[in-house]
Amino acid sequence: MAYVISDDCVSCGTCAGECPVGAIAEGASHYEIDADACVECGTCAAACPTEAISQG
């Protein structure tokens, strides 16, 4: 199951820089993960300083 970013995201961009497949982009209110591109590696969740990323 792909990872998702909650509203706790502060749009720092750390996760996008860590994603090995470029599945994360800035959305309207916070960063978002493209579920079709996500390889479920968890690198983004480990890098997130606000713990806003979890498996959906």
Protein backbone atom coordinates (compact mmCIF):
# COMPACT_ATOMS: atom_id res chain seq x y z
CA MET A 1 0.00 0.00 0.00
CA ALA A 2 1.40 3.38 -1.02
CA TYR A 3 2.41 6.00 1.51
CA VAL A 4 0.26 9.10 2.09
CA ILE A 5 0.98 12.53 3.52
CA SER A 6 -1.38 13.93 6.15
CA ASP A 7 -2.38 17.52 6.87
CA ASP A 8 0.42 17.59 9.46
CA CYS A 9 2.79 18.27 6.53
CA VAL A 10 4.54 21.67 6.80
CA SER A 11 5.67 21.62 3.13
CA CYS A 12 9.37 21.56 3.96
CA GLY A 13 10.16 19.37 0.93
CA THR A 14 12.45 16.97 2.75
CA CYS A 15 10.45 13.94 1.61
CA ALA A 16 10.51 14.95 -2.06
CA GLY A 17 14.28 15.17 -2.00
CA GLU A 18 14.58 11.71 -0.46
CA CYS A 19 12.15 9.84 -2.75
CA PRO A 20 14.21 7.57 -5.06
CA VAL A 21 11.50 7.47 -7.76
CA GLY A 22 10.31 11.09 -7.67
CA ALA A 23 6.79 10.17 -6.55
CA ILE A 24 6.38 13.23 -4.31
CA ALA A 25 5.39 16.69 -5.50
CA GLU A 26 4.08 19.88 -3.95
CA GLY A 27 0.29 19.91 -3.89
CA ALA A 28 -2.26 22.64 -3.25
CA SER A 29 -2.05 22.55 0.55
CA HIS A 30 0.90 20.20 1.21
CA TYR A 31 3.16 17.69 -0.53
CA GLU A 32 1.45 14.68 -2.10
CA ILE A 33 2.57 11.19 -3.10
CA ASP A 34 1.65 9.69 -6.47
CA ALA A 35 0.32 6.28 -5.38
CA ASP A 36 0.99 4.77 -8.82
CA ALA A 37 4.66 5.80 -8.72
CA CYS A 38 5.30 4.99 -5.04
CA VAL A 39 7.45 1.87 -4.54
CA GLU A 40 6.61 1.68 -0.82
CA CYS A 41 10.22 1.94 0.33
CA GLY A 42 9.43 4.15 3.35
CA THR A 43 12.34 6.53 2.80
CA CYS A 44 9.98 9.52 2.82
CA ALA A 45 8.39 8.52 6.13
CA ALA A 46 11.78 8.11 7.77
CA ALA A 47 12.89 11.55 6.53
CA CYS A 48 9.75 13.49 7.51
CA PRO A 49 10.47 15.78 10.49
CA THR A 50 6.77 16.06 11.44
CA GLU A 51 5.93 12.35 11.02
CA ALA A 52 3.20 13.33 8.53
CA ILE A 53 3.78 10.31 6.26
CA SER A 54 2.35 6.85 6.80
CA GLN A 55 1.24 3.87 4.79
CA GLY A 56 -2.26 4.47 3.47
